[in-house]
Amino acid sequence: MDDRQLRLFYTISEVSEVTGIKPYVLRYWEKEFPKIKPSREKSRRCYRSEDIQTILLIKKLLYEEGYTIAGAKLKLRQEIKELKASKDKKIILLRKQLQDLLKIVKEK
C-alpha cells in the first residue's frame, strides 16, 4: 500500500501527480468550485482525500463528459444534494432500527 493512501493531507504536487491535473489548474478550480477547500499550513495547501475525490469527479465531468465549468458546478451541486438526501434516508432508517432494538431490549 502506498504511503500517500494512509495520510490525512496531501500537497498540491502530490494531488497533481495522483489526478493528472496541473497545479495551476487545481488552484483555478479552487476558485471556481467551493467544494475544493484545501487547508493551509505555512502558506502550503493541504488537500484531504475528500478534496481529491471531488477533483477526480470534476475532471470526469469536464474532460470525459464534456461539461462546461458552469455545467460542472450545477452537476456537482446536484450530486452533493443527492448524496445528502441518501445519507439522510440512511440515518432515518438506522434511527428506526435502533428504536426497534431498544423496544426489544426493554421488553426483556
N, C-alpha and C. Protein backbone atom coordinates (compact mmCIF):
# COMPACT_ATOMS: atom_id res chain seq x y z
N MET A 1 0.84 -1.19 0.00
CA MET A 1 0.00 0.00 0.00
C MET A 1 0.88 1.25 0.00
N ASP A 2 0.57 2.21 -0.82
CA ASP A 2 1.31 3.45 -0.95
C ASP A 2 1.17 4.30 0.32
N ASP A 3 2.27 4.93 0.76
CA ASP A 3 2.24 5.80 1.95
C ASP A 3 1.19 6.89 1.82
N ARG A 4 0.99 7.40 0.62
CA ARG A 4 0.05 8.51 0.41
C ARG A 4 -1.38 8.10 0.73
N GLN A 5 -1.72 6.85 0.60
CA GLN A 5 -3.08 6.39 0.90
C GLN A 5 -3.36 6.42 2.39
N LEU A 6 -2.34 6.45 3.21
CA LEU A 6 -2.51 6.41 4.65
C LEU A 6 -2.50 7.78 5.30
N ARG A 7 -2.16 8.81 4.57
CA ARG A 7 -2.03 10.15 5.13
C ARG A 7 -3.34 10.91 5.11
N LEU A 8 -3.45 11.89 6.01
CA LEU A 8 -4.65 12.72 6.07
C LEU A 8 -4.59 13.87 5.07
N PHE A 9 -3.39 14.38 4.80
CA PHE A 9 -3.25 15.54 3.94
C PHE A 9 -2.21 15.29 2.84
N TYR A 10 -2.41 15.98 1.72
CA TYR A 10 -1.54 15.83 0.55
C TYR A 10 -1.18 17.21 0.03
N THR A 11 0.04 17.34 -0.49
CA THR A 11 0.46 18.61 -1.08
C THR A 11 -0.13 18.76 -2.48
N ILE A 12 -0.05 19.96 -3.01
CA ILE A 12 -0.60 20.20 -4.34
C ILE A 12 0.16 19.39 -5.39
N SER A 13 1.46 19.20 -5.21
CA SER A 13 2.21 18.41 -6.19
C SER A 13 1.80 16.93 -6.14
N GLU A 14 1.51 16.42 -4.96
CA GLU A 14 1.05 15.03 -4.85
C GLU A 14 -0.34 14.87 -5.47
N VAL A 15 -1.22 15.84 -5.22
CA VAL A 15 -2.56 15.79 -5.81
C VAL A 15 -2.46 15.88 -7.33
N SER A 16 -1.58 16.72 -7.81
CA SER A 16 -1.37 16.86 -9.24
C SER A 16 -0.91 15.54 -9.85
N GLU A 17 0.00 14.89 -9.18
CA GLU A 17 0.52 13.60 -9.66
C GLU A 17 -0.57 12.53 -9.68
N VAL A 18 -1.36 12.47 -8.62
CA VAL A 18 -2.41 11.45 -8.49
C VAL A 18 -3.54 11.68 -9.49
N THR A 19 -3.94 12.94 -9.68
CA THR A 19 -5.10 13.24 -10.52
C THR A 19 -4.76 13.52 -11.98
N GLY A 20 -3.49 13.84 -12.25
CA GLY A 20 -3.11 14.21 -13.61
C GLY A 20 -3.52 15.63 -13.98
N ILE A 21 -3.82 16.44 -12.98
CA ILE A 21 -4.20 17.84 -13.19
C ILE A 21 -3.05 18.73 -12.75
N LYS A 22 -2.66 19.67 -13.59
CA LYS A 22 -1.55 20.58 -13.30
C LYS A 22 -1.88 21.44 -12.07
N PRO A 23 -0.86 21.80 -11.28
CA PRO A 23 -1.10 22.62 -10.08
C PRO A 23 -1.82 23.94 -10.37
N TYR A 24 -1.51 24.61 -11.48
CA TYR A 24 -2.17 25.87 -11.75
C TYR A 24 -3.66 25.67 -12.05
N VAL A 25 -4.02 24.51 -12.61
CA VAL A 25 -5.43 24.19 -12.85
C VAL A 25 -6.12 23.90 -11.52
N LEU A 26 -5.44 23.20 -10.64
CA LEU A 26 -6.01 22.92 -9.31
C LEU A 26 -6.28 24.23 -8.56
N ARG A 27 -5.34 25.18 -8.64
CA ARG A 27 -5.55 26.47 -7.97
C ARG A 27 -6.73 27.21 -8.59
N TYR A 28 -6.90 27.12 -9.90
CA TYR A 28 -8.04 27.75 -10.57
C TYR A 28 -9.34 27.08 -10.13
N TRP A 29 -9.35 25.76 -10.08
CA TRP A 29 -10.56 25.04 -9.69
C TRP A 29 -10.96 25.37 -8.25
N GLU A 30 -9.99 25.65 -7.39
CA GLU A 30 -10.30 26.05 -6.01
C GLU A 30 -11.17 27.30 -6.01
N LYS A 31 -10.89 28.20 -6.92
CA LYS A 31 -11.67 29.45 -7.02
C LYS A 31 -13.05 29.19 -7.62
N GLU A 32 -13.14 28.27 -8.55
CA GLU A 32 -14.39 28.00 -9.26
C GLU A 32 -15.33 27.05 -8.52
N PHE A 33 -14.76 26.12 -7.77
CA PHE A 33 -15.55 25.10 -7.09
C PHE A 33 -15.35 25.20 -5.58
N PRO A 34 -16.31 25.80 -4.88
CA PRO A 34 -16.16 25.99 -3.43
C PRO A 34 -16.00 24.68 -2.64
N LYS A 35 -16.40 23.57 -3.24
CA LYS A 35 -16.28 22.27 -2.58
C LYS A 35 -14.81 21.88 -2.36
N ILE A 36 -13.91 22.40 -3.19
CA ILE A 36 -12.47 22.12 -3.02
C ILE A 36 -11.91 23.19 -2.09
N LYS A 37 -11.62 22.78 -0.87
CA LYS A 37 -11.11 23.74 0.12
C LYS A 37 -9.92 23.15 0.86
N PRO A 38 -8.75 23.19 0.25
CA PRO A 38 -7.59 22.68 0.99
C PRO A 38 -7.29 23.61 2.15
N SER A 39 -6.87 23.04 3.27
CA SER A 39 -6.46 23.88 4.39
C SER A 39 -5.06 24.42 4.08
N ARG A 40 -4.65 25.38 4.86
CA ARG A 40 -3.33 25.98 4.64
C ARG A 40 -2.46 25.77 5.86
N GLU A 41 -1.23 25.40 5.60
CA GLU A 41 -0.25 25.27 6.68
C GLU A 41 1.02 25.94 6.20
N LYS A 42 1.34 27.06 6.82
CA LYS A 42 2.51 27.85 6.41
C LYS A 42 2.45 28.15 4.92
N SER A 43 1.32 28.62 4.46
CA SER A 43 1.03 29.01 3.07
C SER A 43 1.07 27.84 2.07
N ARG A 44 1.15 26.62 2.57
CA ARG A 44 1.10 25.44 1.68
C ARG A 44 -0.29 24.85 1.73
N ARG A 45 -0.77 24.41 0.58
CA ARG A 45 -2.09 23.79 0.51
C ARG A 45 -2.00 22.35 1.01
N CYS A 46 -3.00 21.98 1.82
CA CYS A 46 -3.09 20.62 2.35
C CYS A 46 -4.45 20.06 1.94
N TYR A 47 -4.43 19.17 0.96
CA TYR A 47 -5.66 18.57 0.45
C TYR A 47 -6.00 17.31 1.24
N ARG A 48 -7.30 17.08 1.45
CA ARG A 48 -7.79 15.86 2.10
C ARG A 48 -8.20 14.87 1.01
N SER A 49 -8.43 13.64 1.41
CA SER A 49 -8.89 12.62 0.46
C SER A 49 -10.20 13.05 -0.19
N GLU A 50 -11.08 13.68 0.59
CA GLU A 50 -12.36 14.17 0.06
C GLU A 50 -12.14 15.18 -1.07
N ASP A 51 -11.14 16.06 -0.90
CA ASP A 51 -10.81 17.03 -1.95
C ASP A 51 -10.37 16.32 -3.22
N ILE A 52 -9.57 15.28 -3.06
CA ILE A 52 -9.07 14.54 -4.23
C ILE A 52 -10.23 13.86 -4.96
N GLN A 53 -11.16 13.29 -4.21
CA GLN A 53 -12.33 12.67 -4.84
C GLN A 53 -13.15 13.70 -5.61
N THR A 54 -13.31 14.88 -5.03
CA THR A 54 -14.04 15.95 -5.71
C THR A 54 -13.31 16.37 -6.98
N ILE A 55 -12.00 16.49 -6.90
CA ILE A 55 -11.20 16.87 -8.06
C ILE A 55 -11.34 15.83 -9.18
N LEU A 56 -11.30 14.56 -8.81
CA LEU A 56 -11.46 13.50 -9.81
C LEU A 56 -12.86 13.54 -10.44
N LEU A 57 -13.87 13.86 -9.66
CA LEU A 57 -15.22 13.99 -10.20
C LEU A 57 -15.30 15.17 -11.16
N ILE A 58 -14.72 16.30 -10.78
CA ILE A 58 -14.71 17.48 -11.65
C ILE A 58 -13.96 17.17 -12.95
N LYS A 59 -12.84 16.50 -12.82
CA LYS A 59 -12.06 16.10 -14.01
C LYS A 59 -12.92 15.26 -14.95
N LYS A 60 -13.64 14.31 -14.38
CA LYS A 60 -14.51 13.45 -15.19
C LYS A 60 -15.59 14.27 -15.89
N LEU A 61 -16.23 15.16 -15.14
CA LEU A 61 -17.30 15.99 -15.71
C LEU A 61 -16.78 16.86 -16.85
N LEU A 62 -15.63 17.48 -16.64
CA LEU A 62 -15.09 18.41 -17.64
C LEU A 62 -14.44 17.71 -18.82
N TYR A 63 -13.58 16.74 -18.55
CA TYR A 63 -12.77 16.15 -19.61
C TYR A 63 -13.40 14.94 -20.30
N GLU A 64 -14.17 14.17 -19.55
CA GLU A 64 -14.76 12.97 -20.15
C GLU A 64 -16.19 13.18 -20.60
N GLU A 65 -16.97 13.90 -19.80
CA GLU A 65 -18.38 14.07 -20.12
C GLU A 65 -18.68 15.38 -20.85
N GLY A 66 -17.68 16.23 -20.98
CA GLY A 66 -17.81 17.43 -21.80
C GLY A 66 -18.59 18.59 -21.19
N TYR A 67 -18.72 18.61 -19.87
CA TYR A 67 -19.40 19.72 -19.22
C TYR A 67 -18.55 20.98 -19.29
N THR A 68 -19.23 22.13 -19.27
CA THR A 68 -18.53 23.40 -19.10
C THR A 68 -18.30 23.58 -17.60
N ILE A 69 -17.53 24.61 -17.22
CA ILE A 69 -17.33 24.90 -15.80
C ILE A 69 -18.68 25.13 -15.13
N ALA A 70 -19.52 25.95 -15.75
CA ALA A 70 -20.85 26.24 -15.18
C ALA A 70 -21.69 24.97 -15.07
N GLY A 71 -21.67 24.16 -16.09
CA GLY A 71 -22.42 22.91 -16.07
C GLY A 71 -21.91 21.95 -15.01
N ALA A 72 -20.59 21.88 -14.86
CA ALA A 72 -19.99 21.01 -13.86
C ALA A 72 -20.35 21.49 -12.45
N LYS A 73 -20.41 22.80 -12.25
CA LYS A 73 -20.81 23.34 -10.95
C LYS A 73 -22.23 22.89 -10.60
N LEU A 74 -23.13 22.99 -11.57
CA LEU A 74 -24.52 22.58 -11.35
C LEU A 74 -24.61 21.08 -11.06
N LYS A 75 -23.93 20.30 -11.85
CA LYS A 75 -23.94 18.85 -11.70
C LYS A 75 -23.36 18.45 -10.33
N LEU A 76 -22.29 19.10 -9.94
CA LEU A 76 -21.65 18.81 -8.66
C LEU A 76 -22.60 19.15 -7.51
N ARG A 77 -23.27 20.30 -7.59
CA ARG A 77 -24.26 20.67 -6.57
C ARG A 77 -25.37 19.63 -6.50
N GLN A 78 -25.82 19.20 -7.67
CA GLN A 78 -26.88 18.18 -7.75
C GLN A 78 -26.44 16.88 -7.07
N GLU A 79 -25.24 16.44 -7.37
CA GLU A 79 -24.74 15.20 -6.80
C GLU A 79 -24.56 15.30 -5.29
N ILE A 80 -24.14 16.47 -4.82
CA ILE A 80 -23.99 16.68 -3.38
C ILE A 80 -25.35 16.62 -2.70
N LYS A 81 -26.37 17.24 -3.32
CA LYS A 81 -27.72 17.20 -2.75
C LYS A 81 -28.23 15.76 -2.71
N GLU A 82 -28.01 15.01 -3.79
CA GLU A 82 -28.46 13.62 -3.84
C GLU A 82 -27.75 12.78 -2.78
N LEU A 83 -26.46 13.02 -2.59
CA LEU A 83 -25.70 12.29 -1.59
C LEU A 83 -26.21 12.61 -0.19
N LYS A 84 -26.49 13.88 0.05
CA LYS A 84 -27.02 14.30 1.35
C LYS A 84 -28.38 13.66 1.59
N ALA A 85 -29.24 13.65 0.59
CA ALA A 85 -30.57 13.03 0.72
C ALA A 85 -30.42 11.54 1.02
N SER A 86 -29.49 10.89 0.35
CA SER A 86 -29.25 9.46 0.58
C SER A 86 -28.77 9.22 2.01
N LYS A 87 -27.86 10.07 2.48
CA LYS A 87 -27.37 9.93 3.85
C LYS A 87 -28.50 10.16 4.85
N ASP A 88 -29.35 11.16 4.58
CA ASP A 88 -30.48 11.45 5.47
C ASP A 88 -31.42 10.24 5.55
N LYS A 89 -31.67 9.60 4.42
CA LYS A 89 -32.53 8.41 4.42
C LYS A 89 -31.90 7.28 5.23
N LYS A 90 -30.60 7.10 5.08
CA LYS A 90 -29.91 6.06 5.84
C LYS A 90 -29.97 6.34 7.34
N ILE A 91 -29.84 7.61 7.72
CA ILE A 91 -29.91 7.98 9.13
C ILE A 91 -31.30 7.69 9.68
N ILE A 92 -32.33 8.03 8.92
CA ILE A 92 -33.71 7.76 9.36
C ILE A 92 -33.93 6.26 9.53
N LEU A 93 -33.46 5.48 8.58
CA LEU A 93 -33.60 4.02 8.66
C LEU A 93 -32.84 3.47 9.87
N LEU A 94 -31.63 3.94 10.07
CA LEU A 94 -30.81 3.49 11.20
C LEU A 94 -31.48 3.86 12.52
N ARG A 95 -32.01 5.07 12.61
CA ARG A 95 -32.70 5.51 13.82
C ARG A 95 -33.89 4.59 14.12
N LYS A 96 -34.66 4.24 13.09
CA LYS A 96 -35.82 3.35 13.25
C LYS A 96 -35.36 1.98 13.75
N GLN A 97 -34.28 1.46 13.16
CA GLN A 97 -33.77 0.16 13.57
C GLN A 97 -33.30 0.19 15.02
N LEU A 98 -32.66 1.28 15.41
CA LEU A 98 -32.20 1.41 16.80
C LEU A 98 -33.39 1.50 17.76
N GLN A 99 -34.43 2.21 17.36
CA GLN A 99 -35.63 2.29 18.21
C GLN A 99 -36.27 0.91 18.36
N ASP A 100 -36.32 0.15 17.28
CA ASP A 100 -36.86 -1.21 17.33
C ASP A 100 -36.04 -2.09 18.27
N LEU A 101 -34.71 -1.98 18.18
CA LEU A 101 -33.84 -2.74 19.07
C LEU A 101 -34.05 -2.34 20.54
N LEU A 102 -34.21 -1.07 20.77
CA LEU A 102 -34.43 -0.57 22.12
C LEU A 102 -35.73 -1.14 22.70
N LYS A 103 -36.77 -1.21 21.87
CA LYS A 103 -38.04 -1.80 22.31
C LYS A 103 -37.85 -3.26 22.70
N ILE A 104 -37.09 -4.00 21.89
CA ILE A 104 -36.84 -5.41 22.16
C ILE A 104 -36.07 -5.57 23.48
N VAL A 105 -35.06 -4.74 23.70
CA VAL A 105 -34.27 -4.81 24.91
C VAL A 105 -35.12 -4.47 26.13
N LYS A 106 -35.97 -3.48 26.02
CA LYS A 106 -36.82 -3.07 27.15
C LYS A 106 -37.84 -4.15 27.49
N GLU A 107 -38.28 -4.91 26.49
CA GLU A 107 -39.26 -5.98 26.72
C GLU A 107 -38.66 -7.13 27.52
N LYS A 108 -37.37 -7.33 27.43
CA LYS A 108 -36.72 -8.45 28.11
C LYS A 108 -36.36 -8.07 29.48
